[in-house]
Amino acid sequence: MSQITAPYAAAPAEPIFKQELVWQWPIRLFHWLNALAFVVLFLTGLYISDPIFSPAGEAYGNQTMGYVRMTHFIAAAVFTVGFFWRICWFWLGNRYARSGFPYVWRARWWRNLVRQTWDYLRLDFGHVHMGHNALAGLAYTLVPVIGGWVMILTGLALFGQSNPDGFWDSLCGWVIPMLGGGLRTHMWHHLVAWLFLVFAIVHVYIVVLDGTQQRNGLISSMISGRKFYPADEKPGSHDED
């Protein structure tokens, strides 16, 4: 054994990275259910707004639009359940379930947001965040949370039009006059759907970019729930930085 390898054989080096459970199974489960629901909702929504083909034969023998609408409504129900489940898990989950929350009343949060944005623009990814950083937290709040409320409320209001004075019309019918009528409600429903698509594209890009640059297990963390951090740091020590 050479003099170079002897010290390493006698005392193996400590691992450079350690791992910790970040995303608990409820978050991982409903993340993928909501992702699948969004794909189904977007594709069926495109067809509902502009049918690309018309089946031959009498209307009573063809229920293409009916099947598409039914699929759309089922996916919307899955999305709604997942949406409210995630809100509940904000309080029931571990500290990472609440990471990235936009504390807009704190000067420290604004400093973190500016720094994180500047780091991304310079392709300098800085510290490994076990949870969401300030910029990610703001993006999640604006699109999946606020945008999710818009999609759910406008969707239920439009669904309620099929049964005037029914349960959903009574519960969410106020949305339509508030937005200026059914046509404008459809417009907002469609616009926010496209916003979700843009968010999904950017989200996947950032996840792949961060995961490959920092090698922190970000890509696989929504399957295993575990992420990696430098062994000489406290896990999650930079989540509030």
Protein backbone atom coordinates (compact mmCIF):
# COMPACT_ATOMS: atom_id res chain seq x y z
CA MET A 1 0.00 0.00 0.00
CA SER A 2 1.47 3.36 -1.01
CA GLN A 3 2.02 6.25 1.36
CA ILE A 4 -0.68 8.19 -0.50
CA THR A 5 -3.51 5.65 -0.14
CA ALA A 6 -2.62 4.44 3.34
CA PRO A 7 -4.24 7.34 5.26
CA TYR A 8 -7.47 6.93 3.31
CA ALA A 9 -7.58 3.19 3.91
CA ALA A 10 -7.02 3.70 7.61
CA ALA A 11 -9.64 6.45 7.98
CA PRO A 12 -12.14 6.64 5.11
CA ALA A 13 -13.30 10.16 4.33
CA GLU A 14 -16.70 11.31 5.52
CA PRO A 15 -19.36 11.59 2.80
CA ILE A 16 -19.46 15.01 1.14
CA PHE A 17 -23.27 15.06 1.16
CA LYS A 18 -25.91 13.86 3.57
CA GLN A 19 -29.61 13.39 2.89
CA GLU A 20 -32.85 14.32 4.61
CA LEU A 21 -36.52 13.63 4.04
CA VAL A 22 -37.94 16.90 2.70
CA TRP A 23 -41.18 16.15 0.85
CA GLN A 24 -43.52 13.90 2.78
CA TRP A 25 -45.63 11.34 0.92
CA PRO A 26 -48.88 13.40 0.84
CA ILE A 27 -47.11 16.25 -0.94
CA ARG A 28 -45.45 13.88 -3.41
CA LEU A 29 -48.70 12.01 -4.11
CA PHE A 30 -50.81 15.07 -4.80
CA HIS A 31 -48.00 16.76 -6.73
CA TRP A 32 -48.17 14.03 -9.35
CA LEU A 33 -51.97 13.75 -9.23
CA ASN A 34 -52.27 17.49 -9.80
CA ALA A 35 -49.68 17.38 -12.58
CA LEU A 36 -51.65 14.63 -14.33
CA ALA A 37 -54.93 16.48 -13.71
CA PHE A 38 -53.48 19.64 -15.24
CA VAL A 39 -52.44 17.85 -18.42
CA VAL A 40 -55.91 16.32 -18.80
CA LEU A 41 -57.61 19.62 -17.96
CA PHE A 42 -55.56 21.60 -20.45
CA LEU A 43 -56.03 19.17 -23.35
CA THR A 44 -59.74 18.66 -22.76
CA GLY A 45 -60.17 22.41 -22.20
CA LEU A 46 -58.64 23.10 -25.61
CA TYR A 47 -61.13 20.75 -27.22
CA ILE A 48 -64.10 22.18 -25.32
CA SER A 49 -63.20 25.73 -26.35
CA ASP A 50 -62.55 24.79 -29.98
CA PRO A 51 -63.55 21.26 -31.10
CA ILE A 52 -61.01 20.21 -33.72
CA PHE A 53 -63.20 17.52 -35.30
CA SER A 54 -66.87 16.74 -35.63
CA PRO A 55 -67.93 13.08 -35.63
CA ALA A 56 -70.16 11.89 -38.44
CA GLY A 57 -73.73 10.79 -37.83
CA GLU A 58 -76.65 11.99 -35.79
CA ALA A 59 -76.01 13.90 -32.56
CA TYR A 60 -77.81 11.32 -30.42
CA GLY A 61 -75.32 8.67 -31.51
CA ASN A 62 -72.20 10.73 -30.78
CA GLN A 63 -71.22 11.91 -27.34
CA THR A 64 -67.69 13.10 -28.09
CA MET A 65 -68.15 16.50 -26.48
CA GLY A 66 -70.02 14.93 -23.58
CA TYR A 67 -67.20 12.46 -22.90
CA VAL A 68 -64.59 15.22 -23.15
CA ARG A 69 -66.55 17.44 -20.77
CA MET A 70 -67.02 14.56 -18.33
CA THR A 71 -63.26 13.86 -18.40
CA HIS A 72 -62.63 17.56 -17.86
CA PHE A 73 -64.94 17.64 -14.85
CA ILE A 74 -63.39 14.51 -13.28
CA ALA A 75 -59.88 15.95 -13.69
CA ALA A 76 -61.13 19.24 -12.22
CA ALA A 77 -62.44 17.36 -9.16
CA VAL A 78 -59.04 15.67 -8.71
CA PHE A 79 -57.27 19.02 -9.06
CA THR A 80 -59.61 20.68 -6.54
CA VAL A 81 -59.13 17.93 -3.94
CA GLY A 82 -55.35 18.08 -4.42
CA PHE A 83 -55.42 21.88 -4.17
CA PHE A 84 -57.20 21.92 -0.82
CA TRP A 85 -55.15 18.98 0.43
CA ARG A 86 -51.97 20.96 -0.23
CA ILE A 87 -53.38 23.93 1.67
CA CYS A 88 -54.14 21.64 4.63
CA TRP A 89 -50.68 20.10 4.47
CA PHE A 90 -49.19 23.60 4.65
CA TRP A 91 -50.23 23.44 8.31
CA LEU A 92 -50.00 19.69 8.93
CA GLY A 93 -46.71 18.98 7.18
CA ASN A 94 -43.10 19.46 8.23
CA ARG A 95 -41.29 22.79 8.01
CA TYR A 96 -40.43 22.24 4.36
CA ALA A 97 -44.13 22.13 3.51
CA ARG A 98 -44.20 25.82 4.49
CA SER A 99 -40.87 26.82 2.95
CA GLY A 100 -40.83 29.74 0.55
CA PHE A 101 -43.95 31.37 1.98
CA PRO A 102 -43.89 35.02 0.81
CA TYR A 103 -43.45 37.03 3.97
CA VAL A 104 -43.98 40.29 2.10
CA TRP A 105 -44.12 42.24 5.38
CA ARG A 106 -40.52 41.29 6.20
CA ALA A 107 -37.58 43.23 4.79
CA ARG A 108 -35.46 40.07 4.99
CA TRP A 109 -37.79 38.24 2.59
CA TRP A 110 -37.46 41.03 0.01
CA ARG A 111 -33.67 40.94 0.31
CA ASN A 112 -33.72 37.17 -0.21
CA LEU A 113 -36.02 37.54 -3.22
CA VAL A 114 -33.79 40.12 -4.90
CA ARG A 115 -30.64 38.12 -4.20
CA GLN A 116 -32.16 34.85 -5.46
CA THR A 117 -33.40 36.55 -8.63
CA TRP A 118 -29.96 38.09 -9.23
CA ASP A 119 -28.30 34.71 -8.64
CA TYR A 120 -30.51 33.06 -11.27
CA LEU A 121 -29.81 35.84 -13.78
CA ARG A 122 -26.08 35.28 -13.26
CA LEU A 123 -26.51 31.47 -13.35
CA ASP A 124 -25.07 31.40 -9.84
CA PHE A 125 -27.26 29.02 -7.86
CA GLY A 126 -25.78 29.87 -4.47
CA HIS A 127 -26.67 27.74 -1.46
CA VAL A 128 -28.60 24.50 -1.61
CA HIS A 129 -32.14 25.12 -0.37
CA MET A 130 -33.79 22.02 1.02
CA GLY A 131 -37.23 23.57 0.63
CA HIS A 132 -38.36 26.42 -1.63
CA ASN A 133 -36.36 29.62 -1.83
CA ALA A 134 -38.02 33.05 -1.80
CA LEU A 135 -38.32 33.30 -5.58
CA ALA A 136 -39.83 29.83 -5.91
CA GLY A 137 -42.22 30.54 -3.06
CA LEU A 138 -43.43 33.71 -4.77
CA ALA A 139 -43.94 31.88 -8.08
CA TYR A 140 -45.90 29.09 -6.39
CA THR A 141 -48.07 31.62 -4.58
CA LEU A 142 -48.89 33.63 -7.71
CA VAL A 143 -49.69 30.74 -10.07
CA PRO A 144 -50.67 27.45 -8.36
CA VAL A 145 -52.24 29.17 -5.33
CA ILE A 146 -53.85 32.40 -6.56
CA GLY A 147 -54.22 31.03 -10.09
CA GLY A 148 -55.65 27.83 -8.63
CA TRP A 149 -58.35 29.79 -6.81
CA VAL A 150 -59.22 31.58 -10.06
CA MET A 151 -59.46 28.31 -12.00
CA ILE A 152 -61.56 26.58 -9.34
CA LEU A 153 -63.98 29.46 -8.81
CA THR A 154 -64.45 30.28 -12.49
CA GLY A 155 -64.71 26.59 -13.37
CA LEU A 156 -67.38 25.91 -10.76
CA ALA A 157 -69.26 29.07 -11.78
CA LEU A 158 -69.31 27.96 -15.41
CA PHE A 159 -70.27 24.42 -14.38
CA GLY A 160 -73.14 25.84 -12.35
CA GLN A 161 -74.63 27.42 -15.46
CA SER A 162 -75.79 23.97 -16.56
CA ASN A 163 -78.12 23.88 -13.55
CA PRO A 164 -79.36 27.40 -12.72
CA ASP A 165 -80.18 27.88 -9.05
CA GLY A 166 -78.52 24.52 -8.32
CA PHE A 167 -75.86 23.93 -5.67
CA TRP A 168 -72.82 25.09 -7.65
CA ASP A 169 -74.66 28.00 -9.22
CA SER A 170 -75.78 29.15 -5.78
CA LEU A 171 -72.28 28.69 -4.33
CA CYS A 172 -70.16 30.21 -7.11
CA GLY A 173 -72.62 31.95 -9.42
CA TRP A 174 -71.54 35.35 -8.07
CA VAL A 175 -68.26 34.98 -9.95
CA ILE A 176 -69.89 35.46 -13.36
CA PRO A 177 -71.48 38.90 -12.77
CA MET A 178 -68.38 40.00 -10.85
CA LEU A 179 -66.20 39.28 -13.91
CA GLY A 180 -68.67 40.87 -16.31
CA GLY A 181 -70.62 37.90 -17.66
CA GLY A 182 -70.14 34.36 -18.88
CA LEU A 183 -67.92 35.28 -21.85
CA ARG A 184 -65.45 37.17 -19.68
CA THR A 185 -65.49 34.36 -17.14
CA HIS A 186 -64.56 31.92 -19.92
CA MET A 187 -61.81 34.31 -21.01
CA TRP A 188 -60.24 34.46 -17.55
CA HIS A 189 -60.55 30.69 -17.18
CA HIS A 190 -58.65 30.21 -20.46
CA LEU A 191 -56.02 32.89 -19.81
CA VAL A 192 -55.07 31.47 -16.41
CA ALA A 193 -54.93 27.97 -17.95
CA TRP A 194 -52.27 29.24 -20.36
CA LEU A 195 -50.48 30.88 -17.42
CA PHE A 196 -50.37 27.45 -15.77
CA LEU A 197 -48.80 26.02 -18.93
CA VAL A 198 -46.07 28.68 -18.93
CA PHE A 199 -45.46 28.03 -15.24
CA ALA A 200 -45.19 24.28 -15.84
CA ILE A 201 -42.60 24.77 -18.59
CA VAL A 202 -40.49 27.13 -16.46
CA HIS A 203 -40.91 24.86 -13.43
CA VAL A 204 -39.58 21.80 -15.25
CA TYR A 205 -36.69 23.82 -16.71
CA ILE A 206 -35.65 25.22 -13.31
CA VAL A 207 -35.93 21.81 -11.63
CA VAL A 208 -33.71 20.17 -14.24
CA LEU A 209 -31.26 23.09 -14.21
CA ASP A 210 -30.97 23.27 -10.43
CA GLY A 211 -30.86 19.50 -10.04
CA THR A 212 -28.03 19.04 -12.53
CA GLN A 213 -26.02 22.05 -11.35
CA GLN A 214 -26.28 21.54 -7.60
CA ARG A 215 -26.59 17.74 -7.65
CA ASN A 216 -28.88 17.92 -4.63
CA GLY A 217 -31.38 15.31 -5.76
CA LEU A 218 -33.96 17.92 -6.70
CA ILE A 219 -35.22 15.95 -9.70
CA SER A 220 -35.73 12.70 -7.80
CA SER A 221 -36.90 14.34 -4.57
CA MET A 222 -40.54 14.41 -5.67
CA ILE A 223 -40.35 10.61 -5.96
CA SER A 224 -38.16 9.65 -3.03
CA GLY A 225 -38.88 12.72 -0.92
CA ARG A 226 -35.19 13.08 -0.08
CA LYS A 227 -32.72 15.81 -0.97
CA PHE A 228 -28.98 16.14 -0.35
CA TYR A 229 -27.05 18.84 1.48
CA PRO A 230 -23.34 19.45 2.23
CA ALA A 231 -22.20 17.38 5.18
CA ASP A 232 -20.66 20.40 6.90
CA GLU A 233 -23.93 22.35 6.92
CA LYS A 234 -27.07 22.06 8.97
CA PRO A 235 -29.94 20.73 6.83
CA GLY A 236 -32.21 23.53 5.67
CA SER A 237 -29.89 26.16 7.15
CA HIS A 238 -30.23 28.34 4.05
CA ASP A 239 -33.97 27.98 3.52
CA GLU A 240 -34.57 31.31 5.25
CA ASP A 241 -31.46 32.97 3.79
